[in-house]
Amino acid sequence: MIVAYVLIEMVAGHSTNLTRVLRGRPGVREVNRITGPFDVIAVIEGEDLNAVSEIVASGIHTLPGVMRTTTCVRLE
């Protein structure tokens, strides 16, 4: 199982809604609003890197207010 941390930069005013939308979605283990250069962090998991990539591409990038993401894959 691949675990990744997705750091999400948002348009102002959208981070609360994004966290609500992502919670409970398949592959999303945790999602929180944070301070600093990013607005939201999501912990996601997939069977392989392609599955993680698909979650980010179709399940996060397409949501309203998402400007950009940085995905960090956990090393074991």
PDB file of N, CA and C in Angstrom:
ATOM      1  N   MET A   1       0.850  -1.176   0.000  1.00  0.00           N
ATOM      2  CA  MET A   1       0.000   0.000   0.000  1.00  0.00           C
ATOM      3  C   MET A   1       0.895   1.239   0.000  1.00  0.00           C
ATOM      4  N   ILE A   2       0.606   2.180  -0.886  1.00  0.00           N
ATOM      5  CA  ILE A   2       1.341   3.443  -0.987  1.00  0.00           C
ATOM      6  C   ILE A   2       0.570   4.517  -0.218  1.00  0.00           C
ATOM      7  N   VAL A   3       1.281   5.230   0.657  1.00  0.00           N
ATOM      8  CA  VAL A   3       0.692   6.350   1.406  1.00  0.00           C
ATOM      9  C   VAL A   3       1.368   7.626   0.932  1.00  0.00           C
ATOM     10  N   ALA A   4       0.574   8.659   0.699  1.00  0.00           N
ATOM     11  CA  ALA A   4       1.113   9.940   0.245  1.00  0.00           C
ATOM     12  C   ALA A   4       0.440  11.081   1.000  1.00  0.00           C
ATOM     13  N   TYR A   5       1.204  12.147   1.167  1.00  0.00           N
ATOM     14  CA  TYR A   5       0.714  13.375   1.784  1.00  0.00           C
ATOM     15  C   TYR A   5       0.542  14.386   0.657  1.00  0.00           C
ATOM     16  N   VAL A   6      -0.667  14.884   0.499  1.00  0.00           N
ATOM     17  CA  VAL A   6      -0.952  15.832  -0.570  1.00  0.00           C
ATOM     18  C   VAL A   6      -1.139  17.209   0.055  1.00  0.00           C
ATOM     19  N   LEU A   7      -0.221  18.118  -0.254  1.00  0.00           N
ATOM     20  CA  LEU A   7      -0.279  19.494   0.232  1.00  0.00           C
ATOM     21  C   LEU A   7      -1.031  20.302  -0.814  1.00  0.00           C
ATOM     22  N   ILE A   8      -2.098  20.969  -0.392  1.00  0.00           N
ATOM     23  CA  ILE A   8      -3.007  21.607  -1.339  1.00  0.00           C
ATOM     24  C   ILE A   8      -3.057  23.109  -1.098  1.00  0.00           C
ATOM     25  N   GLU A   9      -2.805  23.859  -2.154  1.00  0.00           N
ATOM     26  CA  GLU A   9      -2.936  25.315  -2.112  1.00  0.00           C
ATOM     27  C   GLU A   9      -4.301  25.668  -2.700  1.00  0.00           C
ATOM     28  N   MET A  10      -5.046  26.488  -1.964  1.00  0.00           N
ATOM     29  CA  MET A  10      -6.431  26.787  -2.332  1.00  0.00           C
ATOM     30  C   MET A  10      -6.628  28.265  -2.645  1.00  0.00           C
ATOM     31  N   VAL A  11      -7.688  28.555  -3.398  1.00  0.00           N
ATOM     32  CA  VAL A  11      -8.188  29.912  -3.545  1.00  0.00           C
ATOM     33  C   VAL A  11      -8.795  30.285  -2.194  1.00  0.00           C
ATOM     34  N   ALA A  12      -8.642  31.521  -1.773  1.00  0.00           N
ATOM     35  CA  ALA A  12      -9.155  31.958  -0.472  1.00  0.00           C
ATOM     36  C   ALA A  12     -10.642  31.634  -0.333  1.00  0.00           C
ATOM     37  N   GLY A  13     -10.992  31.107   0.829  1.00  0.00           N
ATOM     38  CA  GLY A  13     -12.377  30.841   1.148  1.00  0.00           C
ATOM     39  C   GLY A  13     -12.899  29.463   0.773  1.00  0.00           C
ATOM     40  N   HIS A  14     -12.064  28.598   0.207  1.00  0.00           N
ATOM     41  CA  HIS A  14     -12.518  27.290  -0.247  1.00  0.00           C
ATOM     42  C   HIS A  14     -12.035  26.121   0.604  1.00  0.00           C
ATOM     43  N   SER A  15     -11.117  26.343   1.534  1.00  0.00           N
ATOM     44  CA  SER A  15     -10.493  25.216   2.231  1.00  0.00           C
ATOM     45  C   SER A  15     -11.455  24.448   3.132  1.00  0.00           C
ATOM     46  N   THR A  16     -12.373  25.133   3.789  1.00  0.00           N
ATOM     47  CA  THR A  16     -13.324  24.435   4.668  1.00  0.00           C
ATOM     48  C   THR A  16     -14.203  23.492   3.857  1.00  0.00           C
ATOM     49  N   ASN A  17     -14.700  23.957   2.728  1.00  0.00           N
ATOM     50  CA  ASN A  17     -15.538  23.112   1.884  1.00  0.00           C
ATOM     51  C   ASN A  17     -14.753  21.930   1.327  1.00  0.00           C
ATOM     52  N   LEU A  18     -13.489  22.158   0.940  1.00  0.00           N
ATOM     53  CA  LEU A  18     -12.677  21.068   0.401  1.00  0.00           C
ATOM     54  C   LEU A  18     -12.500  19.966   1.433  1.00  0.00           C
ATOM     55  N   THR A  19     -12.201  20.322   2.672  1.00  0.00           N
ATOM     56  CA  THR A  19     -12.009  19.293   3.704  1.00  0.00           C
ATOM     57  C   THR A  19     -13.295  18.497   3.900  1.00  0.00           C
ATOM     58  N   ARG A  20     -14.417  19.166   3.859  1.00  0.00           N
ATOM     59  CA  ARG A  20     -15.716  18.488   4.022  1.00  0.00           C
ATOM     60  C   ARG A  20     -15.960  17.507   2.862  1.00  0.00           C
ATOM     61  N   VAL A  21     -15.644  17.935   1.648  1.00  0.00           N
ATOM     62  CA  VAL A  21     -15.861  17.097   0.463  1.00  0.00           C
ATOM     63  C   VAL A  21     -14.940  15.876   0.470  1.00  0.00           C
ATOM     64  N   LEU A  22     -13.680  16.060   0.851  1.00  0.00           N
ATOM     65  CA  LEU A  22     -12.711  14.959   0.788  1.00  0.00           C
ATOM     66  C   LEU A  22     -12.892  13.916   1.886  1.00  0.00           C
ATOM     67  N   ARG A  23     -13.383  14.314   3.043  1.00  0.00           N
ATOM     68  CA  ARG A  23     -13.541  13.357   4.151  1.00  0.00           C
ATOM     69  C   ARG A  23     -14.476  12.229   3.746  1.00  0.00           C
ATOM     70  N   GLY A  24     -14.018  11.021   3.955  1.00  0.00           N
ATOM     71  CA  GLY A  24     -14.836   9.857   3.658  1.00  0.00           C
ATOM     72  C   GLY A  24     -14.748   9.351   2.230  1.00  0.00           C
ATOM     73  N   ARG A  25     -14.025  10.050   1.374  1.00  0.00           N
ATOM     74  CA  ARG A  25     -13.861   9.562  -0.003  1.00  0.00           C
ATOM     75  C   ARG A  25     -12.918   8.361  -0.020  1.00  0.00           C
ATOM     76  N   PRO A  26     -13.120   7.454  -0.961  1.00  0.00           N
ATOM     77  CA  PRO A  26     -12.220   6.302  -1.067  1.00  0.00           C
ATOM     78  C   PRO A  26     -10.768   6.747  -1.258  1.00  0.00           C
ATOM     79  N   GLY A  27      -9.884   6.135  -0.497  1.00  0.00           N
ATOM     80  CA  GLY A  27      -8.462   6.440  -0.596  1.00  0.00           C
ATOM     81  C   GLY A  27      -7.999   7.592   0.269  1.00  0.00           C
ATOM     82  N   VAL A  28      -8.910   8.362   0.836  1.00  0.00           N
ATOM     83  CA  VAL A  28      -8.533   9.497   1.693  1.00  0.00           C
ATOM     84  C   VAL A  28      -8.614   9.049   3.151  1.00  0.00           C
ATOM     85  N   ARG A  29      -7.450   8.948   3.800  1.00  0.00           N
ATOM     86  CA  ARG A  29      -7.406   8.518   5.204  1.00  0.00           C
ATOM     87  C   ARG A  29      -7.652   9.657   6.163  1.00  0.00           C
ATOM     88  N   GLU A  30      -7.154  10.845   5.809  1.00  0.00           N
ATOM     89  CA  GLU A  30      -7.260  11.991   6.712  1.00  0.00           C
ATOM     90  C   GLU A  30      -7.148  13.260   5.886  1.00  0.00           C
ATOM     91  N   VAL A  31      -7.820  14.317   6.330  1.00  0.00           N
ATOM     92  CA  VAL A  31      -7.710  15.613   5.662  1.00  0.00           C
ATOM     93  C   VAL A  31      -7.890  16.703   6.709  1.00  0.00           C
ATOM     94  N   ASN A  32      -6.987  17.698   6.670  1.00  0.00           N
ATOM     95  CA  ASN A  32      -7.000  18.768   7.661  1.00  0.00           C
ATOM     96  C   ASN A  32      -6.629  20.098   7.029  1.00  0.00           C
ATOM     97  N   ARG A  33      -7.215  21.179   7.555  1.00  0.00           N
ATOM     98  CA  ARG A  33      -6.768  22.526   7.205  1.00  0.00           C
ATOM     99  C   ARG A  33      -5.499  22.795   8.001  1.00  0.00           C
ATOM    100  N   ILE A  34      -4.534  23.499   7.378  1.00  0.00           N
ATOM    101  CA  ILE A  34      -3.258  23.774   8.031  1.00  0.00           C
ATOM    102  C   ILE A  34      -2.847  25.222   7.780  1.00  0.00           C
ATOM    103  N   THR A  35      -1.827  25.652   8.529  1.00  0.00           N
ATOM    104  CA  THR A  35      -1.257  26.978   8.313  1.00  0.00           C
ATOM    105  C   THR A  35       0.026  26.843   7.503  1.00  0.00           C
ATOM    106  N   GLY A  36       0.501  27.962   6.969  1.00  0.00           N
ATOM    107  CA  GLY A  36       1.736  27.956   6.192  1.00  0.00           C
ATOM    108  C   GLY A  36       1.451  28.182   4.730  1.00  0.00           C
ATOM    109  N   PRO A  37       2.373  27.781   3.863  1.00  0.00           N
ATOM    110  CA  PRO A  37       2.205  28.053   2.433  1.00  0.00           C
ATOM    111  C   PRO A  37       1.101  27.217   1.782  1.00  0.00           C
ATOM    112  N   PHE A  38       0.657  26.159   2.444  1.00  0.00           N
ATOM    113  CA  PHE A  38      -0.442  25.339   1.938  1.00  0.00           C
ATOM    114  C   PHE A  38      -1.640  25.497   2.861  1.00  0.00           C
ATOM    115  N   ASP A  39      -2.817  25.208   2.342  1.00  0.00           N
ATOM    116  CA  ASP A  39      -4.052  25.410   3.091  1.00  0.00           C
ATOM    117  C   ASP A  39      -4.652  24.127   3.644  1.00  0.00           C
ATOM    118  N   VAL A  40      -4.417  23.022   2.948  1.00  0.00           N
ATOM    119  CA  VAL A  40      -5.000  21.730   3.328  1.00  0.00           C
ATOM    120  C   VAL A  40      -3.955  20.649   3.116  1.00  0.00           C
ATOM    121  N   ILE A  41      -3.967  19.646   4.005  1.00  0.00           N
ATOM    122  CA  ILE A  41      -3.146  18.454   3.795  1.00  0.00           C
ATOM    123  C   ILE A  41      -4.065  17.249   3.839  1.00  0.00           C
ATOM    124  N   ALA A  42      -3.884  16.365   2.862  1.00  0.00           N
ATOM    125  CA  ALA A  42      -4.659  15.127   2.808  1.00  0.00           C
ATOM    126  C   ALA A  42      -3.695  13.953   2.834  1.00  0.00           C
ATOM    127  N   VAL A  43      -4.025  12.944   3.616  1.00  0.00           N
ATOM    128  CA  VAL A  43      -3.262  11.706   3.641  1.00  0.00           C
ATOM    129  C   VAL A  43      -4.074  10.713   2.816  1.00  0.00           C
ATOM    130  N   ILE A  44      -3.470  10.251   1.729  1.00  0.00           N
ATOM    131  CA  ILE A  44      -4.185   9.328   0.856  1.00  0.00           C
ATOM    132  C   ILE A  44      -3.400   8.036   0.721  1.00  0.00           C
ATOM    133  N   GLU A  45      -4.120   6.981   0.331  1.00  0.00           N
ATOM    134  CA  GLU A  45      -3.446   5.708   0.108  1.00  0.00           C
ATOM    135  C   GLU A  45      -4.052   5.023  -1.100  1.00  0.00           C
ATOM    136  N   GLY A  46      -3.188   4.304  -1.777  1.00  0.00           N
ATOM    137  CA  GLY A  46      -3.611   3.554  -2.948  1.00  0.00           C
ATOM    138  C   GLY A  46      -2.794   2.291  -3.072  1.00  0.00           C
ATOM    139  N   GLU A  47      -3.274   1.391  -3.876  1.00  0.00           N
ATOM    140  CA  GLU A  47      -2.608   0.111  -4.060  1.00  0.00           C
ATOM    141  C   GLU A  47      -1.212   0.268  -4.670  1.00  0.00           C
ATOM    142  N   ASP A  48      -1.053   1.278  -5.548  1.00  0.00           N
ATOM    143  CA  ASP A  48       0.231   1.547  -6.179  1.00  0.00           C
ATOM    144  C   ASP A  48       0.294   3.036  -6.531  1.00  0.00           C
ATOM    145  N   LEU A  49       1.405   3.465  -7.139  1.00  0.00           N
ATOM    146  CA  LEU A  49       1.562   4.879  -7.485  1.00  0.00           C
ATOM    147  C   LEU A  49       0.523   5.352  -8.491  1.00  0.00           C
ATOM    148  N   ASN A  50       0.108   4.490  -9.384  1.00  0.00           N
ATOM    149  CA  ASN A  50      -0.928   4.867 -10.345  1.00  0.00           C
ATOM    150  C   ASN A  50      -2.249   5.168  -9.643  1.00  0.00           C
ATOM    151  N   ALA A  51      -2.582   4.386  -8.632  1.00  0.00           N
ATOM    152  CA  ALA A  51      -3.818   4.618  -7.884  1.00  0.00           C
ATOM    153  C   ALA A  51      -3.745   5.935  -7.128  1.00  0.00           C
ATOM    154  N   VAL A  52      -2.598   6.227  -6.520  1.00  0.00           N
ATOM    155  CA  VAL A  52      -2.410   7.499  -5.816  1.00  0.00           C
ATOM    156  C   VAL A  52      -2.516   8.657  -6.804  1.00  0.00           C
ATOM    157  N   SER A  53      -1.878   8.520  -7.946  1.00  0.00           N
ATOM    158  CA  SER A  53      -1.933   9.555  -8.973  1.00  0.00           C
ATOM    159  C   SER A  53      -3.364   9.815  -9.432  1.00  0.00           C
ATOM    160  N   GLU A  54      -4.134   8.768  -9.586  1.00  0.00           N
ATOM    161  CA  GLU A  54      -5.529   8.905 -10.017  1.00  0.00           C
ATOM    162  C   GLU A  54      -6.373   9.631  -8.969  1.00  0.00           C
ATOM    163  N   ILE A  55      -6.151   9.339  -7.697  1.00  0.00           N
ATOM    164  CA  ILE A  55      -6.875  10.036  -6.623  1.00  0.00           C
ATOM    165  C   ILE A  55      -6.567  11.524  -6.676  1.00  0.00           C
ATOM    166  N   VAL A  56      -5.297  11.865  -6.844  1.00  0.00           N
ATOM    167  CA  VAL A  56      -4.907  13.276  -6.884  1.00  0.00           C
ATOM    168  C   VAL A  56      -5.463  13.950  -8.140  1.00  0.00           C
ATOM    169  N   ALA A  57      -5.291  13.319  -9.283  1.00  0.00           N
ATOM    170  CA  ALA A  57      -5.688  13.932 -10.552  1.00  0.00           C
ATOM    171  C   ALA A  57      -7.195  14.100 -10.685  1.00  0.00           C
ATOM    172  N   SER A  58      -7.941  13.061 -10.385  1.00  0.00           N
ATOM    173  CA  SER A  58      -9.389  13.146 -10.611  1.00  0.00           C
ATOM    174  C   SER A  58     -10.191  13.447  -9.356  1.00  0.00           C
ATOM    175  N   GLY A  59      -9.619  13.148  -8.193  1.00  0.00           N
ATOM    176  CA  GLY A  59     -10.376  13.347  -6.959  1.00  0.00           C
ATOM    177  C   GLY A  59     -10.043  14.605  -6.189  1.00  0.00           C
ATOM    178  N   ILE A  60      -8.926  15.269  -6.536  1.00  0.00           N
ATOM    179  CA  ILE A  60      -8.544  16.496  -5.826  1.00  0.00           C
ATOM    180  C   ILE A  60      -8.410  17.666  -6.801  1.00  0.00           C
ATOM    181  N   HIS A  61      -7.623  17.505  -7.856  1.00  0.00           N
ATOM    182  CA  HIS A  61      -7.388  18.614  -8.797  1.00  0.00           C
ATOM    183  C   HIS A  61      -8.666  19.167  -9.414  1.00  0.00           C
ATOM    184  N   THR A  62      -9.667  18.343  -9.555  1.00  0.00           N
ATOM    185  CA  THR A  62     -10.894  18.760 -10.227  1.00  0.00           C
ATOM    186  C   THR A  62     -11.851  19.522  -9.312  1.00  0.00           C
ATOM    187  N   LEU A  63     -11.552  19.601  -8.018  1.00  0.00           N
ATOM    188  CA  LEU A  63     -12.466  20.245  -7.074  1.00  0.00           C
ATOM    189  C   LEU A  63     -12.342  21.767  -7.121  1.00  0.00           C
ATOM    190  N   PRO A  64     -13.449  22.472  -6.905  1.00  0.00           N
ATOM    191  CA  PRO A  64     -13.437  23.941  -6.936  1.00  0.00           C
ATOM    192  C   PRO A  64     -12.473  24.533  -5.906  1.00  0.00           C
ATOM    193  N   GLY A  65     -11.698  25.513  -6.335  1.00  0.00           N
ATOM    194  CA  GLY A  65     -10.808  26.233  -5.434  1.00  0.00           C
ATOM    195  C   GLY A  65      -9.397  25.692  -5.337  1.00  0.00           C
ATOM    196  N   VAL A  66      -9.139  24.500  -5.876  1.00  0.00           N
ATOM    197  CA  VAL A  66      -7.791  23.923  -5.816  1.00  0.00           C
ATOM    198  C   VAL A  66      -6.922  24.614  -6.856  1.00  0.00           C
ATOM    199  N   MET A  67      -5.833  25.247  -6.383  1.00  0.00           N
ATOM    200  CA  MET A  67      -4.908  25.922  -7.306  1.00  0.00           C
ATOM    201  C   MET A  67      -3.768  24.995  -7.723  1.00  0.00           C
ATOM    202  N   ARG A  68      -3.153  24.329  -6.744  1.00  0.00           N
ATOM    203  CA  ARG A  68      -2.059  23.403  -7.061  1.00  0.00           C
ATOM    204  C   ARG A  68      -1.841  22.464  -5.887  1.00  0.00           C
ATOM    205  N   THR A  69      -1.184  21.362  -6.180  1.00  0.00           N
ATOM    206  CA  THR A  69      -0.870  20.397  -5.136  1.00  0.00           C
ATOM    207  C   THR A  69       0.594  19.985  -5.217  1.00  0.00           C
ATOM    208  N   THR A  70       1.096  19.517  -4.088  1.00  0.00           N
ATOM    209  CA  THR A  70       2.408  18.888  -4.022  1.00  0.00           C
ATOM    210  C   THR A  70       2.200  17.544  -3.323  1.00  0.00           C
ATOM    211  N   THR A  71       2.578  16.464  -3.986  1.00  0.00           N
ATOM    212  CA  THR A  71       2.373  15.128  -3.434  1.00  0.00           C
ATOM    213  C   THR A  71       3.698  14.574  -2.949  1.00  0.00           C
ATOM    214  N   CYS A  72       3.726  14.156  -1.688  1.00  0.00           N
ATOM    215  CA  CYS A  72       4.922  13.576  -1.076  1.00  0.00           C
ATOM    216  C   CYS A  72       4.608  12.137  -0.702  1.00  0.00           C
ATOM    217  N   VAL A  73       5.308  11.203  -1.319  1.00  0.00           N
ATOM    218  CA  VAL A  73       5.074   9.768  -1.062  1.00  0.00           C
ATOM    219  C   VAL A  73       5.879   9.355   0.163  1.00  0.00           C
ATOM    220  N   ARG A  74       5.192   8.677   1.080  1.00  0.00           N
ATOM    221  CA  ARG A  74       5.859   8.183   2.302  1.00  0.00           C
ATOM    222  C   ARG A  74       6.805   7.042   1.953  1.00  0.00           C
ATOM    223  N   LEU A  75       8.002   7.110   2.516  1.00  0.00           N
ATOM    224  CA  LEU A  75       8.984   6.031   2.350  1.00  0.00           C
ATOM    225  C   LEU A  75       8.871   5.076   3.528  1.00  0.00           C
ATOM    226  N   GLU A  76       9.022   3.816   3.271  1.00  0.00           N
ATOM    227  CA  GLU A  76       8.921   2.814   4.338  1.00  0.00           C
ATOM    228  C   GLU A  76      10.289   2.278   4.661  1.00  0.00           C
TER     229      GLU A  76
END
